[in-house]
Structures are given as structure tokens and as C-alpha cells.
Amino acid sequence: MVEYSFAVKNYIDCRVLWTDEVFEKIAVEVKCGNPKFSWEVVGVYRAPNEDMWVIERLAARTGFTGNSTKRSIIGGDLNLPYAD
């Protein structure tokens, strides 16, 4: 089993939402001062030799359909082909 981690300040309300057993991904929920507002923060690594299925799986996992009201921040190393 692979363990993933995210560094978050002690005073920030945060919990792990999910991890991906196939690819190196972790998502945490970070709550702001107002409990009605929260963010999904996703850390992801895509190896240079992986195909674009990693990105498709990420989109499905985060619920990104273009009409979602979810607030997400996605960061990491996606090693996107043809991107300079």
C-alpha cells in the first residue's frame, strides 16, 4: 500500500477525501473560515511514460464535467506531452 501526504498548517481544518491506488494522487478537503465554503485540493503526479488515461481518471474522480459547482485546485507534475 502506498502512503501519500499533504502538508497543512495545524490551524486549517483539513481531511483526506481520497487517494488513488493506481496513480500517485491524493485529494484533501480544506475548509475556510466560513464552514459553507471548502476546497478540494488535489496533488497528482503523472509519469512521463503514462498515457492520457491518468488525466481522464483525474477528471472523473474530481467530478469535473464542466457544469460542476465544486471548487478544486489541482497541482503537481502532469508531464503533459507537447506542452512547453
N, C-alpha and C. Protein backbone atom coordinates (compact mmCIF):
# COMPACT_ATOMS: atom_id res chain seq x y z
N MET A 1 0.85 -1.19 0.00
CA MET A 1 0.00 0.00 0.00
C MET A 1 0.89 1.24 0.00
N VAL A 2 0.56 2.19 -0.85
CA VAL A 2 1.31 3.43 -0.96
C VAL A 2 0.69 4.47 -0.05
N GLU A 3 1.52 5.22 0.66
CA GLU A 3 1.03 6.30 1.53
C GLU A 3 1.32 7.64 0.86
N TYR A 4 0.35 8.53 0.88
CA TYR A 4 0.51 9.87 0.33
C TYR A 4 0.33 10.86 1.47
N SER A 5 0.89 12.04 1.30
CA SER A 5 0.73 13.04 2.35
C SER A 5 0.60 14.43 1.75
N PHE A 6 0.06 15.31 2.55
CA PHE A 6 -0.12 16.71 2.21
C PHE A 6 0.27 17.50 3.44
N ALA A 7 1.04 18.54 3.30
CA ALA A 7 1.42 19.37 4.44
C ALA A 7 0.41 20.52 4.57
N VAL A 8 -0.22 20.59 5.76
CA VAL A 8 -1.23 21.62 6.02
C VAL A 8 -0.97 22.19 7.42
N LYS A 9 -1.08 23.49 7.56
CA LYS A 9 -0.90 24.13 8.86
C LYS A 9 -1.90 23.57 9.88
N ASN A 10 -1.50 23.52 11.14
CA ASN A 10 -2.33 22.94 12.20
C ASN A 10 -3.69 23.62 12.35
N TYR A 11 -3.74 24.92 12.14
CA TYR A 11 -4.97 25.66 12.39
C TYR A 11 -5.96 25.59 11.21
N ILE A 12 -5.62 24.91 10.14
CA ILE A 12 -6.51 24.79 8.98
C ILE A 12 -7.27 23.47 9.08
N ASP A 13 -8.58 23.55 8.96
CA ASP A 13 -9.43 22.36 9.01
C ASP A 13 -9.28 21.60 7.69
N CYS A 14 -8.78 20.37 7.77
CA CYS A 14 -8.46 19.62 6.57
C CYS A 14 -8.67 18.13 6.82
N ARG A 15 -9.15 17.42 5.80
CA ARG A 15 -9.28 15.96 5.89
C ARG A 15 -9.03 15.34 4.52
N VAL A 16 -8.56 14.10 4.52
CA VAL A 16 -8.31 13.39 3.27
C VAL A 16 -9.64 12.95 2.69
N LEU A 17 -9.86 13.25 1.41
CA LEU A 17 -11.07 12.82 0.71
C LEU A 17 -10.87 11.47 0.04
N TRP A 18 -9.77 11.34 -0.70
CA TRP A 18 -9.49 10.10 -1.39
C TRP A 18 -8.03 10.05 -1.83
N THR A 19 -7.57 8.85 -2.07
CA THR A 19 -6.27 8.61 -2.70
C THR A 19 -6.53 7.64 -3.85
N ASP A 20 -5.62 7.63 -4.80
CA ASP A 20 -5.76 6.76 -5.96
C ASP A 20 -4.71 5.67 -5.87
N GLU A 21 -5.14 4.43 -5.85
CA GLU A 21 -4.22 3.30 -5.71
C GLU A 21 -3.46 3.00 -6.99
N VAL A 22 -3.98 3.43 -8.14
CA VAL A 22 -3.34 3.15 -9.43
C VAL A 22 -2.28 4.20 -9.76
N PHE A 23 -2.63 5.46 -9.57
CA PHE A 23 -1.72 6.56 -9.87
C PHE A 23 -1.42 7.34 -8.60
N GLU A 24 -0.39 8.14 -8.63
CA GLU A 24 0.02 8.91 -7.45
C GLU A 24 -0.85 10.16 -7.35
N LYS A 25 -1.98 10.04 -6.64
CA LYS A 25 -2.90 11.16 -6.46
C LYS A 25 -3.46 11.14 -5.05
N ILE A 26 -3.68 12.32 -4.52
CA ILE A 26 -4.34 12.47 -3.22
C ILE A 26 -5.20 13.72 -3.28
N ALA A 27 -6.35 13.66 -2.63
CA ALA A 27 -7.23 14.83 -2.55
C ALA A 27 -7.59 15.07 -1.10
N VAL A 28 -7.55 16.33 -0.70
CA VAL A 28 -7.94 16.71 0.64
C VAL A 28 -8.99 17.81 0.55
N GLU A 29 -9.83 17.88 1.57
CA GLU A 29 -10.80 18.96 1.67
C GLU A 29 -10.26 19.97 2.67
N VAL A 30 -10.22 21.22 2.25
CA VAL A 30 -9.75 22.30 3.11
C VAL A 30 -10.93 23.24 3.33
N LYS A 31 -11.28 23.46 4.60
CA LYS A 31 -12.40 24.34 4.92
C LYS A 31 -11.88 25.72 5.26
N CYS A 32 -12.60 26.72 4.76
CA CYS A 32 -12.25 28.11 5.01
C CYS A 32 -12.87 28.56 6.33
N GLY A 33 -12.74 29.83 6.66
CA GLY A 33 -13.32 30.38 7.89
C GLY A 33 -14.82 30.16 7.96
N ASN A 34 -15.51 30.30 6.83
CA ASN A 34 -16.94 30.06 6.76
C ASN A 34 -17.14 28.57 6.44
N PRO A 35 -17.81 27.80 7.30
CA PRO A 35 -17.94 26.36 7.10
C PRO A 35 -18.69 25.96 5.83
N LYS A 36 -19.42 26.92 5.21
CA LYS A 36 -20.13 26.61 3.98
C LYS A 36 -19.18 26.53 2.78
N PHE A 37 -17.98 27.08 2.92
CA PHE A 37 -17.04 27.10 1.81
C PHE A 37 -15.89 26.14 2.07
N SER A 38 -15.62 25.31 1.10
CA SER A 38 -14.49 24.40 1.19
C SER A 38 -13.90 24.21 -0.20
N TRP A 39 -12.67 23.75 -0.22
CA TRP A 39 -11.95 23.48 -1.45
C TRP A 39 -11.47 22.05 -1.46
N GLU A 40 -11.48 21.44 -2.63
CA GLU A 40 -10.86 20.14 -2.83
C GLU A 40 -9.49 20.44 -3.44
N VAL A 41 -8.43 20.07 -2.72
CA VAL A 41 -7.07 20.29 -3.21
C VAL A 41 -6.50 18.93 -3.60
N VAL A 42 -6.07 18.81 -4.84
CA VAL A 42 -5.60 17.53 -5.38
C VAL A 42 -4.13 17.65 -5.75
N GLY A 43 -3.34 16.71 -5.29
CA GLY A 43 -1.94 16.59 -5.69
C GLY A 43 -1.81 15.37 -6.58
N VAL A 44 -1.15 15.53 -7.72
CA VAL A 44 -1.07 14.43 -8.69
C VAL A 44 0.31 14.40 -9.35
N TYR A 45 0.76 13.20 -9.66
CA TYR A 45 1.98 13.02 -10.44
C TYR A 45 1.66 12.07 -11.58
N ARG A 46 1.97 12.49 -12.79
CA ARG A 46 1.82 11.64 -13.98
C ARG A 46 3.21 11.37 -14.53
N ALA A 47 3.59 10.11 -14.53
CA ALA A 47 4.90 9.73 -15.06
C ALA A 47 4.95 10.04 -16.56
N PRO A 48 6.12 10.44 -17.06
CA PRO A 48 6.22 10.80 -18.48
C PRO A 48 5.80 9.67 -19.44
N ASN A 49 5.93 8.43 -19.01
CA ASN A 49 5.59 7.33 -19.91
C ASN A 49 4.13 6.88 -19.80
N GLU A 50 3.33 7.51 -18.93
CA GLU A 50 1.91 7.17 -18.80
C GLU A 50 1.12 7.81 -19.93
N ASP A 51 0.04 7.14 -20.34
CA ASP A 51 -0.81 7.74 -21.37
C ASP A 51 -1.77 8.74 -20.72
N MET A 52 -2.64 9.31 -21.51
CA MET A 52 -3.53 10.37 -21.03
C MET A 52 -4.68 9.83 -20.19
N TRP A 53 -4.76 8.51 -20.01
CA TRP A 53 -5.79 7.92 -19.17
C TRP A 53 -5.71 8.47 -17.75
N VAL A 54 -4.52 8.83 -17.32
CA VAL A 54 -4.34 9.42 -15.99
C VAL A 54 -5.18 10.69 -15.86
N ILE A 55 -5.16 11.53 -16.89
CA ILE A 55 -5.91 12.78 -16.86
C ILE A 55 -7.41 12.50 -16.89
N GLU A 56 -7.82 11.54 -17.71
CA GLU A 56 -9.25 11.17 -17.77
C GLU A 56 -9.73 10.65 -16.42
N ARG A 57 -8.92 9.84 -15.78
CA ARG A 57 -9.28 9.30 -14.47
C ARG A 57 -9.35 10.43 -13.43
N LEU A 58 -8.43 11.38 -13.53
CA LEU A 58 -8.44 12.53 -12.62
C LEU A 58 -9.72 13.34 -12.80
N ALA A 59 -10.12 13.59 -14.05
CA ALA A 59 -11.34 14.35 -14.32
C ALA A 59 -12.56 13.63 -13.77
N ALA A 60 -12.61 12.32 -13.93
CA ALA A 60 -13.75 11.55 -13.41
C ALA A 60 -13.77 11.57 -11.88
N ARG A 61 -12.61 11.48 -11.27
CA ARG A 61 -12.52 11.41 -9.80
C ARG A 61 -12.88 12.75 -9.15
N THR A 62 -12.52 13.85 -9.80
CA THR A 62 -12.81 15.16 -9.22
C THR A 62 -14.21 15.65 -9.58
N GLY A 63 -14.90 14.94 -10.44
CA GLY A 63 -16.24 15.34 -10.84
C GLY A 63 -16.25 16.49 -11.81
N PHE A 64 -15.14 16.71 -12.51
CA PHE A 64 -15.06 17.82 -13.45
C PHE A 64 -15.82 17.47 -14.72
N THR A 65 -17.02 18.00 -14.84
CA THR A 65 -17.84 17.76 -16.03
C THR A 65 -18.13 19.05 -16.77
N GLY A 66 -17.59 20.15 -16.29
CA GLY A 66 -17.83 21.43 -16.94
C GLY A 66 -18.99 22.20 -16.34
N ASN A 67 -19.91 21.52 -15.65
CA ASN A 67 -21.05 22.21 -15.04
C ASN A 67 -21.08 22.00 -13.53
N SER A 68 -19.99 21.57 -12.97
CA SER A 68 -19.92 21.31 -11.53
C SER A 68 -19.71 22.60 -10.76
N THR A 69 -20.26 22.66 -9.55
CA THR A 69 -20.04 23.82 -8.69
C THR A 69 -18.93 23.57 -7.68
N LYS A 70 -18.32 22.41 -7.77
CA LYS A 70 -17.24 22.07 -6.84
C LYS A 70 -16.04 22.97 -7.10
N ARG A 71 -15.40 23.42 -6.03
CA ARG A 71 -14.18 24.23 -6.12
C ARG A 71 -12.98 23.31 -5.94
N SER A 72 -12.15 23.20 -6.95
CA SER A 72 -10.99 22.32 -6.88
C SER A 72 -9.73 23.06 -7.30
N ILE A 73 -8.64 22.70 -6.64
CA ILE A 73 -7.31 23.17 -7.04
C ILE A 73 -6.51 21.91 -7.33
N ILE A 74 -5.98 21.82 -8.53
CA ILE A 74 -5.19 20.65 -8.92
C ILE A 74 -3.78 21.11 -9.20
N GLY A 75 -2.82 20.46 -8.54
CA GLY A 75 -1.42 20.81 -8.72
C GLY A 75 -0.56 19.57 -8.74
N GLY A 76 0.62 19.72 -9.23
CA GLY A 76 1.54 18.60 -9.26
C GLY A 76 2.33 18.60 -10.55
N ASP A 77 2.78 17.44 -10.94
CA ASP A 77 3.57 17.28 -12.16
C ASP A 77 2.80 16.37 -13.09
N LEU A 78 2.16 16.98 -14.10
CA LEU A 78 1.35 16.21 -15.04
C LEU A 78 2.15 15.73 -16.25
N ASN A 79 3.37 16.24 -16.44
CA ASN A 79 4.20 15.84 -17.57
C ASN A 79 3.40 15.77 -18.86
N LEU A 80 2.70 16.85 -19.17
CA LEU A 80 1.85 16.85 -20.35
C LEU A 80 2.69 16.87 -21.62
N PRO A 81 2.36 15.99 -22.58
CA PRO A 81 3.10 15.97 -23.83
C PRO A 81 2.81 17.23 -24.64
N TYR A 82 3.75 17.67 -25.38
CA TYR A 82 3.63 18.83 -26.28
C TYR A 82 3.41 20.14 -25.54
N ALA A 83 3.64 20.19 -24.25
CA ALA A 83 3.50 21.45 -23.50
C ALA A 83 4.90 21.98 -23.20
N ASP A 84 5.15 23.19 -23.62
CA ASP A 84 6.45 23.83 -23.36
C ASP A 84 6.30 24.85 -22.27
